Amino acid sequence: MVQVQRQLFTVEAYYKMAEVGILKPTDRVELINGEIIQMSPIKSPHANSITIIEEILYEQLIKKVTIRTQNPIRISNLSEPEPDIAVVKYSRNRYSNHHPKPEDTFLLI
């Protein structure tokens, strides 16, 4: 039996692959536990559900939290998933300097 050794990637290496063109802006991937995982396409029913949930959360929680749709959350040096919706601590600058971390996160969908 041949054993295959996996190469795990850090968030920094993942960004570097995007920067040099190995990963393209059109690639639907995310980094989970050091592995680059291809994401499923977002079909109409899925997109509609996300929109409805986002609107409800926004109406109820405006200026109390920041609601992020399909944007990264920095879980660790090996994981930066892009959940459909993340409810995170309110940030006036909308996390322009860094992605939210677990301690900033209230809910992931």
C-alpha atoms as a PDB file:
ATOM      1  CA  MET A   1       0.000   0.000   0.000  1.00  0.00           C
ATOM      2  CA  VAL A   2       1.345   3.396  -1.002  1.00  0.00           C
ATOM      3  CA  GLN A   3       0.985   6.145   1.564  1.00  0.00           C
ATOM      4  CA  VAL A   4       0.287   9.608   0.267  1.00  0.00           C
ATOM      5  CA  GLN A   5       1.568  12.465   2.361  1.00  0.00           C
ATOM      6  CA  ARG A   6      -0.567  15.584   2.364  1.00  0.00           C
ATOM      7  CA  GLN A   7       0.879  19.053   2.129  1.00  0.00           C
ATOM      8  CA  LEU A   8      -0.896  21.366   4.554  1.00  0.00           C
ATOM      9  CA  PHE A   9      -0.930  25.080   3.859  1.00  0.00           C
ATOM     10  CA  THR A  10      -0.945  28.061   6.191  1.00  0.00           C
ATOM     11  CA  VAL A  11      -3.163  31.064   5.620  1.00  0.00           C
ATOM     12  CA  GLU A  12      -0.079  33.023   4.556  1.00  0.00           C
ATOM     13  CA  ALA A  13       0.865  30.381   1.926  1.00  0.00           C
ATOM     14  CA  TYR A  14      -2.757  30.304   0.752  1.00  0.00           C
ATOM     15  CA  TYR A  15      -2.713  34.085   0.209  1.00  0.00           C
ATOM     16  CA  LYS A  16       0.655  33.842  -1.544  1.00  0.00           C
ATOM     17  CA  MET A  17      -0.797  31.253  -3.971  1.00  0.00           C
ATOM     18  CA  ALA A  18      -3.555  33.722  -4.810  1.00  0.00           C
ATOM     19  CA  GLU A  19      -1.075  36.591  -5.117  1.00  0.00           C
ATOM     20  CA  VAL A  20       1.127  34.750  -7.655  1.00  0.00           C
ATOM     21  CA  GLY A  21      -1.818  33.349  -9.635  1.00  0.00           C
ATOM     22  CA  ILE A  22      -1.830  29.698  -8.557  1.00  0.00           C
ATOM     23  CA  LEU A  23      -5.266  30.355  -7.113  1.00  0.00           C
ATOM     24  CA  LYS A  24      -7.354  32.622  -9.312  1.00  0.00           C
ATOM     25  CA  PRO A  25     -10.027  35.101  -8.158  1.00  0.00           C
ATOM     26  CA  THR A  26     -12.630  32.929  -9.895  1.00  0.00           C
ATOM     27  CA  ASP A  27     -11.609  29.794  -7.940  1.00  0.00           C
ATOM     28  CA  ARG A  28     -14.258  28.953  -5.339  1.00  0.00           C
ATOM     29  CA  VAL A  29     -12.021  27.561  -2.617  1.00  0.00           C
ATOM     30  CA  GLU A  30     -11.434  28.000   1.087  1.00  0.00           C
ATOM     31  CA  LEU A  31      -8.738  26.867   3.507  1.00  0.00           C
ATOM     32  CA  ILE A  32      -9.889  24.341   6.121  1.00  0.00           C
ATOM     33  CA  ASN A  33      -7.407  22.653   8.478  1.00  0.00           C
ATOM     34  CA  GLY A  34      -4.553  23.414   6.089  1.00  0.00           C
ATOM     35  CA  GLU A  35      -6.312  21.909   3.061  1.00  0.00           C
ATOM     36  CA  ILE A  36      -7.627  23.873   0.100  1.00  0.00           C
ATOM     37  CA  ILE A  37     -11.230  22.756  -0.348  1.00  0.00           C
ATOM     38  CA  GLN A  38     -13.325  23.469  -3.420  1.00  0.00           C
ATOM     39  CA  MET A  39     -16.644  25.062  -2.519  1.00  0.00           C
ATOM     40  CA  SER A  40     -19.961  24.076  -4.055  1.00  0.00           C
ATOM     41  CA  PRO A  41     -21.599  26.465  -6.506  1.00  0.00           C
ATOM     42  CA  ILE A  42     -24.213  28.754  -5.013  1.00  0.00           C
ATOM     43  CA  LYS A  43     -27.478  27.942  -6.744  1.00  0.00           C
ATOM     44  CA  SER A  44     -30.587  30.129  -6.614  1.00  0.00           C
ATOM     45  CA  PRO A  45     -32.342  28.470  -3.628  1.00  0.00           C
ATOM     46  CA  HIS A  46     -29.136  28.686  -1.565  1.00  0.00           C
ATOM     47  CA  ALA A  47     -28.552  32.322  -2.537  1.00  0.00           C
ATOM     48  CA  ASN A  48     -32.170  33.173  -1.745  1.00  0.00           C
ATOM     49  CA  SER A  49     -31.915  31.595   1.706  1.00  0.00           C
ATOM     50  CA  ILE A  50     -28.747  33.545   2.450  1.00  0.00           C
ATOM     51  CA  THR A  51     -30.428  36.796   1.380  1.00  0.00           C
ATOM     52  CA  ILE A  52     -33.474  36.169   3.570  1.00  0.00           C
ATOM     53  CA  ILE A  53     -31.374  35.312   6.636  1.00  0.00           C
ATOM     54  CA  GLU A  54     -29.119  38.310   6.038  1.00  0.00           C
ATOM     55  CA  GLU A  55     -32.102  40.688   5.789  1.00  0.00           C
ATOM     56  CA  ILE A  56     -33.690  39.343   8.992  1.00  0.00           C
ATOM     57  CA  LEU A  57     -30.434  39.582  10.929  1.00  0.00           C
ATOM     58  CA  TYR A  58     -29.693  43.052   9.590  1.00  0.00           C
ATOM     59  CA  GLU A  59     -33.153  44.369  10.564  1.00  0.00           C
ATOM     60  CA  GLN A  60     -32.854  42.979  14.083  1.00  0.00           C
ATOM     61  CA  LEU A  61     -29.199  43.677  14.802  1.00  0.00           C
ATOM     62  CA  ILE A  62     -28.253  46.849  12.918  1.00  0.00           C
ATOM     63  CA  LYS A  63     -25.389  48.701  14.650  1.00  0.00           C
ATOM     64  CA  LYS A  64     -25.212  46.001  17.348  1.00  0.00           C
ATOM     65  CA  VAL A  65     -23.104  43.546  15.338  1.00  0.00           C
ATOM     66  CA  THR A  66     -21.421  43.323  11.959  1.00  0.00           C
ATOM     67  CA  ILE A  67     -23.014  40.886   9.516  1.00  0.00           C
ATOM     68  CA  ARG A  68     -20.628  39.445   6.934  1.00  0.00           C
ATOM     69  CA  THR A  69     -21.834  37.458   3.933  1.00  0.00           C
ATOM     70  CA  GLN A  70     -19.491  34.895   2.367  1.00  0.00           C
ATOM     71  CA  ASN A  71     -16.389  36.571   3.795  1.00  0.00           C
ATOM     72  CA  PRO A  72     -13.481  34.911   5.603  1.00  0.00           C
ATOM     73  CA  ILE A  73     -13.178  34.269   9.309  1.00  0.00           C
ATOM     74  CA  ARG A  74      -9.620  33.602  10.566  1.00  0.00           C
ATOM     75  CA  ILE A  75     -10.064  30.505  12.730  1.00  0.00           C
ATOM     76  CA  SER A  76      -6.369  29.630  12.990  1.00  0.00           C
ATOM     77  CA  ASN A  77      -3.155  29.719  11.007  1.00  0.00           C
ATOM     78  CA  LEU A  78      -4.495  26.720   9.039  1.00  0.00           C
ATOM     79  CA  SER A  79      -8.176  27.611   8.613  1.00  0.00           C
ATOM     80  CA  GLU A  80      -9.939  30.552   7.064  1.00  0.00           C
ATOM     81  CA  PRO A  81     -13.406  29.411   5.986  1.00  0.00           C
ATOM     82  CA  GLU A  82     -15.890  31.623   4.165  1.00  0.00           C
ATOM     83  CA  PRO A  83     -19.242  30.938   5.834  1.00  0.00           C
ATOM     84  CA  ASP A  84     -22.460  31.980   4.130  1.00  0.00           C
ATOM     85  CA  ILE A  85     -23.147  34.400   6.993  1.00  0.00           C
ATOM     86  CA  ALA A  86     -21.105  35.413  10.011  1.00  0.00           C
ATOM     87  CA  VAL A  87     -22.454  37.529  12.847  1.00  0.00           C
ATOM     88  CA  VAL A  88     -19.450  39.140  14.522  1.00  0.00           C
ATOM     89  CA  LYS A  89     -18.720  41.906  17.017  1.00  0.00           C
ATOM     90  CA  TYR A  90     -19.629  45.314  15.670  1.00  0.00           C
ATOM     91  CA  SER A  91     -16.704  46.972  13.955  1.00  0.00           C
ATOM     92  CA  ARG A  92     -16.949  50.560  12.815  1.00  0.00           C
ATOM     93  CA  ASN A  93     -14.259  49.914  10.175  1.00  0.00           C
ATOM     94  CA  ARG A  94     -15.959  46.635   9.074  1.00  0.00           C
ATOM     95  CA  TYR A  95     -12.763  44.635   9.746  1.00  0.00           C
ATOM     96  CA  SER A  96     -10.817  46.465   7.052  1.00  0.00           C
ATOM     97  CA  ASN A  97      -7.462  45.626   8.728  1.00  0.00           C
ATOM     98  CA  HIS A  98      -8.047  41.932   9.454  1.00  0.00           C
ATOM     99  CA  HIS A  99     -10.668  39.220   9.259  1.00  0.00           C
ATOM    100  CA  PRO A 100     -12.690  38.465  12.390  1.00  0.00           C
ATOM    101  CA  LYS A 101     -11.318  35.750  14.682  1.00  0.00           C
ATOM    102  CA  PRO A 102     -13.172  33.206  16.851  1.00  0.00           C
ATOM    103  CA  GLU A 103     -13.299  35.625  19.798  1.00  0.00           C
ATOM    104  CA  ASP A 104     -15.078  38.159  17.531  1.00  0.00           C
ATOM    105  CA  THR A 105     -17.642  35.648  16.276  1.00  0.00           C
ATOM    106  CA  PHE A 106     -21.159  35.091  17.620  1.00  0.00           C
ATOM    107  CA  LEU A 107     -22.719  32.956  14.864  1.00  0.00           C
ATOM    108  CA  LEU A 108     -21.638  31.198  11.659  1.00  0.00           C
ATOM    109  CA  ILE A 109     -24.091  29.907   9.086  1.00  0.00           C
END
